[in-house]
């Protein structure tokens, strides 16, 4: 498991990298062969990204 990120700039970089990874996955998908399991994985990725954002947002308020 990775170390916690406490620096705001590193947190934003982390979020940008995860969002770019998500976009790359979408770009690589073939609409003809995409199934519900693939969509569920995408939703999971977005849920994970939202969770990280919420965690980081608490740090930014402090």
PDB file of N, CA and C in Angstrom:
ATOM      1  N   UNK A   1       0.838  -1.171   0.000  1.00  0.00           N
ATOM      2  CA  UNK A   1       0.000   0.000   0.000  1.00  0.00           C
ATOM      3  C   UNK A   1       0.887   1.239   0.000  1.00  0.00           C
ATOM      4  N   UNK A   2       0.466   2.296  -0.673  1.00  0.00           N
ATOM      5  CA  UNK A   2       1.278   3.495  -0.795  1.00  0.00           C
ATOM      6  C   UNK A   2       1.212   4.369   0.434  1.00  0.00           C
ATOM      7  N   UNK A   3       2.095   5.349   0.457  1.00  0.00           N
ATOM      8  CA  UNK A   3       2.134   6.304   1.558  1.00  0.00           C
ATOM      9  C   UNK A   3       1.063   7.361   1.364  1.00  0.00           C
ATOM     10  N   UNK A   4       0.605   7.933   2.475  1.00  0.00           N
ATOM     11  CA  UNK A   4      -0.384   9.006   2.410  1.00  0.00           C
ATOM     12  C   UNK A   4       0.254  10.247   1.803  1.00  0.00           C
ATOM     13  N   UNK A   5      -0.545  10.987   1.036  1.00  0.00           N
ATOM     14  CA  UNK A   5      -0.077  12.219   0.418  1.00  0.00           C
ATOM     15  C   UNK A   5      -0.693  13.375   1.187  1.00  0.00           C
ATOM     16  N   UNK A   6       0.159  14.263   1.729  1.00  0.00           N
ATOM     17  CA  UNK A   6      -0.344  15.372   2.527  1.00  0.00           C
ATOM     18  C   UNK A   6      -0.126  16.722   1.860  1.00  0.00           C
ATOM     19  N   UNK A   7       0.739  16.804   0.881  1.00  0.00           N
ATOM     20  CA  UNK A   7       1.023  18.051   0.184  1.00  0.00           C
ATOM     21  C   UNK A   7      -0.057  18.320  -0.863  1.00  0.00           C
ATOM     22  N   UNK A   8      -0.650  19.521  -0.829  1.00  0.00           N
ATOM     23  CA  UNK A   8      -1.767  19.833  -1.730  1.00  0.00           C
ATOM     24  C   UNK A   8      -1.366  19.691  -3.200  1.00  0.00           C
ATOM     25  N   UNK A   9      -0.184  20.154  -3.568  1.00  0.00           N
ATOM     26  CA  UNK A   9       0.259  20.046  -4.962  1.00  0.00           C
ATOM     27  C   UNK A   9       0.385  18.589  -5.395  1.00  0.00           C
ATOM     28  N   UNK A  10       0.902  17.755  -4.517  1.00  0.00           N
ATOM     29  CA  UNK A  10       1.018  16.322  -4.831  1.00  0.00           C
ATOM     30  C   UNK A  10      -0.350  15.661  -4.897  1.00  0.00           C
ATOM     31  N   UNK A  11      -1.269  16.117  -4.063  1.00  0.00           N
ATOM     32  CA  UNK A  11      -2.622  15.574  -4.098  1.00  0.00           C
ATOM     33  C   UNK A  11      -3.300  15.902  -5.428  1.00  0.00           C
ATOM     34  N   UNK A  12      -3.143  17.135  -5.881  1.00  0.00           N
ATOM     35  CA  UNK A  12      -3.742  17.532  -7.158  1.00  0.00           C
ATOM     36  C   UNK A  12      -3.096  16.760  -8.300  1.00  0.00           C
ATOM     37  N   UNK A  13      -1.793  16.591  -8.252  1.00  0.00           N
ATOM     38  CA  UNK A  13      -1.097  15.808  -9.273  1.00  0.00           C
ATOM     39  C   UNK A  13      -1.611  14.376  -9.279  1.00  0.00           C
ATOM     40  N   UNK A  14      -1.810  13.803  -8.103  1.00  0.00           N
ATOM     41  CA  UNK A  14      -2.342  12.448  -7.988  1.00  0.00           C
ATOM     42  C   UNK A  14      -3.713  12.360  -8.658  1.00  0.00           C
ATOM     43  N   UNK A  15      -4.602  13.310  -8.343  1.00  0.00           N
ATOM     44  CA  UNK A  15      -5.943  13.303  -8.924  1.00  0.00           C
ATOM     45  C   UNK A  15      -5.890  13.446 -10.439  1.00  0.00           C
ATOM     46  N   UNK A  16      -5.023  14.317 -10.936  1.00  0.00           N
ATOM     47  CA  UNK A  16      -4.880  14.490 -12.387  1.00  0.00           C
ATOM     48  C   UNK A  16      -4.401  13.201 -13.043  1.00  0.00           C
ATOM     49  N   UNK A  17      -3.432  12.547 -12.428  1.00  0.00           N
ATOM     50  CA  UNK A  17      -2.912  11.293 -12.988  1.00  0.00           C
ATOM     51  C   UNK A  17      -3.982  10.211 -13.012  1.00  0.00           C
ATOM     52  N   UNK A  18      -4.766  10.105 -11.939  1.00  0.00           N
ATOM     53  CA  UNK A  18      -5.831   9.101 -11.901  1.00  0.00           C
ATOM     54  C   UNK A  18      -6.912   9.404 -12.934  1.00  0.00           C
ATOM     55  N   UNK A  19      -7.224  10.687 -13.120  1.00  0.00           N
ATOM     56  CA  UNK A  19      -8.221  11.060 -14.119  1.00  0.00           C
ATOM     57  C   UNK A  19      -7.708  10.749 -15.519  1.00  0.00           C
ATOM     58  N   UNK A  20      -6.441  11.036 -15.773  1.00  0.00           N
ATOM     59  CA  UNK A  20      -5.856  10.707 -17.075  1.00  0.00           C
ATOM     60  C   UNK A  20      -5.866   9.208 -17.324  1.00  0.00           C
ATOM     61  N   UNK A  21      -5.592   8.415 -16.283  1.00  0.00           N
ATOM     62  CA  UNK A  21      -5.630   6.966 -16.416  1.00  0.00           C
ATOM     63  C   UNK A  21      -7.049   6.518 -16.777  1.00  0.00           C
ATOM     64  N   UNK A  22      -8.046   7.111 -16.130  1.00  0.00           N
ATOM     65  CA  UNK A  22      -9.441   6.799 -16.423  1.00  0.00           C
ATOM     66  C   UNK A  22      -9.755   7.115 -17.888  1.00  0.00           C
ATOM     67  N   UNK A  23      -9.326   8.279 -18.357  1.00  0.00           N
ATOM     68  CA  UNK A  23      -9.584   8.675 -19.743  1.00  0.00           C
ATOM     69  C   UNK A  23      -8.892   7.736 -20.735  1.00  0.00           C
ATOM     70  N   UNK A  24      -7.685   7.287 -20.396  1.00  0.00           N
ATOM     71  CA  UNK A  24      -6.977   6.350 -21.266  1.00  0.00           C
ATOM     72  C   UNK A  24      -7.728   5.017 -21.360  1.00  0.00           C
ATOM     73  N   UNK A  25      -8.279   4.573 -20.243  1.00  0.00           N
ATOM     74  CA  UNK A  25      -9.048   3.319 -20.252  1.00  0.00           C
ATOM     75  C   UNK A  25     -10.262   3.482 -21.160  1.00  0.00           C
ATOM     76  N   UNK A  26     -10.968   4.596 -21.030  1.00  0.00           N
ATOM     77  CA  UNK A  26     -12.135   4.833 -21.886  1.00  0.00           C
ATOM     78  C   UNK A  26     -11.729   4.867 -23.351  1.00  0.00           C
ATOM     79  N   UNK A  27     -10.652   5.576 -23.659  1.00  0.00           N
ATOM     80  CA  UNK A  27     -10.196   5.674 -25.054  1.00  0.00           C
ATOM     81  C   UNK A  27      -9.824   4.314 -25.636  1.00  0.00           C
ATOM     82  N   UNK A  28      -9.362   3.418 -24.782  1.00  0.00           N
ATOM     83  CA  UNK A  28      -8.909   2.110 -25.274  1.00  0.00           C
ATOM     84  C   UNK A  28     -10.069   1.119 -25.437  1.00  0.00           C
ATOM     85  N   UNK A  29     -11.234   1.478 -24.968  1.00  0.00           N
ATOM     86  CA  UNK A  29     -12.372   0.549 -25.022  1.00  0.00           C
ATOM     87  C   UNK A  29     -13.003   0.534 -26.409  1.00  0.00           C
ATOM     88  N   UNK A  30     -13.387  -0.659 -26.821  1.00  0.00           N
ATOM     89  CA  UNK A  30     -14.101  -0.840 -28.083  1.00  0.00           C
ATOM     90  C   UNK A  30     -15.595  -0.881 -27.772  1.00  0.00           C
ATOM     91  N   UNK A  31     -16.354   0.085 -28.272  1.00  0.00           N
ATOM     92  CA  UNK A  31     -17.791   0.115 -27.963  1.00  0.00           C
ATOM     93  C   UNK A  31     -18.518  -1.172 -28.336  1.00  0.00           C
ATOM     94  N   UNK A  32     -18.053  -1.842 -29.355  1.00  0.00           N
ATOM     95  CA  UNK A  32     -18.715  -3.075 -29.801  1.00  0.00           C
ATOM     96  C   UNK A  32     -18.509  -4.238 -28.839  1.00  0.00           C
ATOM     97  N   UNK A  33     -17.399  -4.225 -28.105  1.00  0.00           N
ATOM     98  CA  UNK A  33     -17.113  -5.363 -27.220  1.00  0.00           C
ATOM     99  C   UNK A  33     -17.201  -5.005 -25.732  1.00  0.00           C
ATOM    100  N   UNK A  34     -17.594  -3.782 -25.418  1.00  0.00           N
ATOM    101  CA  UNK A  34     -17.713  -3.371 -24.022  1.00  0.00           C
ATOM    102  C   UNK A  34     -18.972  -3.975 -23.421  1.00  0.00           C
ATOM    103  N   UNK A  35     -18.815  -4.558 -22.221  1.00  0.00           N
ATOM    104  CA  UNK A  35     -19.976  -5.160 -21.565  1.00  0.00           C
ATOM    105  C   UNK A  35     -20.217  -4.489 -20.207  1.00  0.00           C
ATOM    106  N   UNK A  36     -21.212  -4.966 -19.495  1.00  0.00           N
ATOM    107  CA  UNK A  36     -21.573  -4.359 -18.216  1.00  0.00           C
ATOM    108  C   UNK A  36     -20.449  -4.434 -17.190  1.00  0.00           C
ATOM    109  N   UNK A  37     -19.670  -5.486 -17.233  1.00  0.00           N
ATOM    110  CA  UNK A  37     -18.544  -5.626 -16.305  1.00  0.00           C
ATOM    111  C   UNK A  37     -17.532  -4.501 -16.534  1.00  0.00           C
ATOM    112  N   UNK A  38     -17.292  -4.148 -17.797  1.00  0.00           N
ATOM    113  CA  UNK A  38     -16.385  -3.045 -18.115  1.00  0.00           C
ATOM    114  C   UNK A  38     -16.931  -1.719 -17.576  1.00  0.00           C
ATOM    115  N   UNK A  39     -18.228  -1.513 -17.742  1.00  0.00           N
ATOM    116  CA  UNK A  39     -18.856  -0.288 -17.247  1.00  0.00           C
ATOM    117  C   UNK A  39     -18.787  -0.243 -15.727  1.00  0.00           C
ATOM    118  N   UNK A  40     -18.988  -1.362 -15.076  1.00  0.00           N
ATOM    119  CA  UNK A  40     -18.879  -1.421 -13.619  1.00  0.00           C
ATOM    120  C   UNK A  40     -17.471  -1.060 -13.148  1.00  0.00           C
ATOM    121  N   UNK A  41     -16.462  -1.517 -13.891  1.00  0.00           N
ATOM    122  CA  UNK A  41     -15.075  -1.159 -13.543  1.00  0.00           C
ATOM    123  C   UNK A  41     -14.858   0.340 -13.680  1.00  0.00           C
ATOM    124  N   UNK A  42     -15.417   0.939 -14.735  1.00  0.00           N
ATOM    125  CA  UNK A  42     -15.293   2.393 -14.916  1.00  0.00           C
ATOM    126  C   UNK A  42     -15.961   3.140 -13.767  1.00  0.00           C
ATOM    127  N   UNK A  43     -17.136   2.693 -13.381  1.00  0.00           N
ATOM    128  CA  UNK A  43     -17.835   3.328 -12.269  1.00  0.00           C
ATOM    129  C   UNK A  43     -17.026   3.183 -10.981  1.00  0.00           C
ATOM    130  N   UNK A  44     -16.406   2.033 -10.792  1.00  0.00           N
ATOM    131  CA  UNK A  44     -15.543   1.816  -9.631  1.00  0.00           C
ATOM    132  C   UNK A  44     -14.357   2.764  -9.627  1.00  0.00           C
ATOM    133  N   UNK A  45     -13.767   2.972 -10.799  1.00  0.00           N
ATOM    134  CA  UNK A  45     -12.641   3.904 -10.894  1.00  0.00           C
ATOM    135  C   UNK A  45     -13.082   5.316 -10.509  1.00  0.00           C
ATOM    136  N   UNK A  46     -14.252   5.719 -10.991  1.00  0.00           N
ATOM    137  CA  UNK A  46     -14.765   7.053 -10.645  1.00  0.00           C
ATOM    138  C   UNK A  46     -15.084   7.155  -9.154  1.00  0.00           C
ATOM    139  N   UNK A  47     -15.644   6.095  -8.585  1.00  0.00           N
ATOM    140  CA  UNK A  47     -15.930   6.090  -7.150  1.00  0.00           C
ATOM    141  C   UNK A  47     -14.647   6.230  -6.332  1.00  0.00           C
ATOM    142  N   UNK A  48     -13.599   5.509  -6.741  1.00  0.00           N
ATOM    143  CA  UNK A  48     -12.309   5.603  -6.054  1.00  0.00           C
ATOM    144  C   UNK A  48     -11.739   7.018  -6.155  1.00  0.00           C
ATOM    145  N   UNK A  49     -11.840   7.599  -7.348  1.00  0.00           N
ATOM    146  CA  UNK A  49     -11.338   8.958  -7.563  1.00  0.00           C
ATOM    147  C   UNK A  49     -12.115   9.953  -6.709  1.00  0.00           C
ATOM    148  N   UNK A  50     -13.417   9.800  -6.647  1.00  0.00           N
ATOM    149  CA  UNK A  50     -14.232  10.692  -5.823  1.00  0.00           C
ATOM    150  C   UNK A  50     -13.865  10.546  -4.341  1.00  0.00           C
ATOM    151  N   UNK A  51     -13.628   9.312  -3.901  1.00  0.00           N
ATOM    152  CA  UNK A  51     -13.232   9.080  -2.514  1.00  0.00           C
ATOM    153  C   UNK A  51     -11.929   9.769  -2.167  1.00  0.00           C
ATOM    154  N   UNK A  52     -10.957   9.677  -3.065  1.00  0.00           N
ATOM    155  CA  UNK A  52      -9.679  10.355  -2.836  1.00  0.00           C
ATOM    156  C   UNK A  52      -9.876  11.866  -2.781  1.00  0.00           C
ATOM    157  N   UNK A  53     -10.684  12.385  -3.704  1.00  0.00           N
ATOM    158  CA  UNK A  53     -10.943  13.821  -3.718  1.00  0.00           C
ATOM    159  C   UNK A  53     -11.559  14.274  -2.396  1.00  0.00           C
ATOM    160  N   UNK A  54     -12.542  13.531  -1.913  1.00  0.00           N
ATOM    161  CA  UNK A  54     -13.199  13.884  -0.656  1.00  0.00           C
ATOM    162  C   UNK A  54     -12.199  13.857   0.502  1.00  0.00           C
ATOM    163  N   UNK A  55     -11.324  12.875   0.509  1.00  0.00           N
ATOM    164  CA  UNK A  55     -10.305  12.785   1.555  1.00  0.00           C
ATOM    165  C   UNK A  55      -9.345  13.968   1.479  1.00  0.00           C
ATOM    166  N   UNK A  56      -8.904  14.295   0.252  1.00  0.00           N
ATOM    167  CA  UNK A  56      -7.980  15.411   0.079  1.00  0.00           C
ATOM    168  C   UNK A  56      -8.663  16.732   0.425  1.00  0.00           C
ATOM    169  N   UNK A  57      -9.924  16.867   0.075  1.00  0.00           N
ATOM    170  CA  UNK A  57     -10.667  18.106   0.316  1.00  0.00           C
ATOM    171  C   UNK A  57     -10.679  18.435   1.813  1.00  0.00           C
ATOM    172  N   UNK A  58     -10.781  17.420   2.658  1.00  0.00           N
ATOM    173  CA  UNK A  58     -10.735  17.633   4.096  1.00  0.00           C
ATOM    174  C   UNK A  58      -9.389  18.224   4.511  1.00  0.00           C
ATOM    175  N   UNK A  59      -8.302  17.747   3.898  1.00  0.00           N
ATOM    176  CA  UNK A  59      -6.973  18.290   4.186  1.00  0.00           C
ATOM    177  C   UNK A  59      -6.886  19.761   3.794  1.00  0.00           C
ATOM    178  N   UNK A  60      -7.517  20.111   2.686  1.00  0.00           N
ATOM    179  CA  UNK A  60      -7.407  21.472   2.165  1.00  0.00           C
ATOM    180  C   UNK A  60      -8.144  22.475   3.042  1.00  0.00           C
ATOM    181  N   UNK A  61      -9.144  22.017   3.790  1.00  0.00           N
ATOM    182  CA  UNK A  61      -9.895  22.917   4.665  1.00  0.00           C
ATOM    183  C   UNK A  61      -9.119  23.256   5.916  1.00  0.00           C
ATOM    184  N   UNK A  62      -8.159  22.416   6.259  1.00  0.00           N
ATOM    185  CA  UNK A  62      -7.383  22.625   7.495  1.00  0.00           C
ATOM    186  C   UNK A  62      -6.342  23.696   7.337  1.00  0.00           C
TER     187      UNK A  62
END
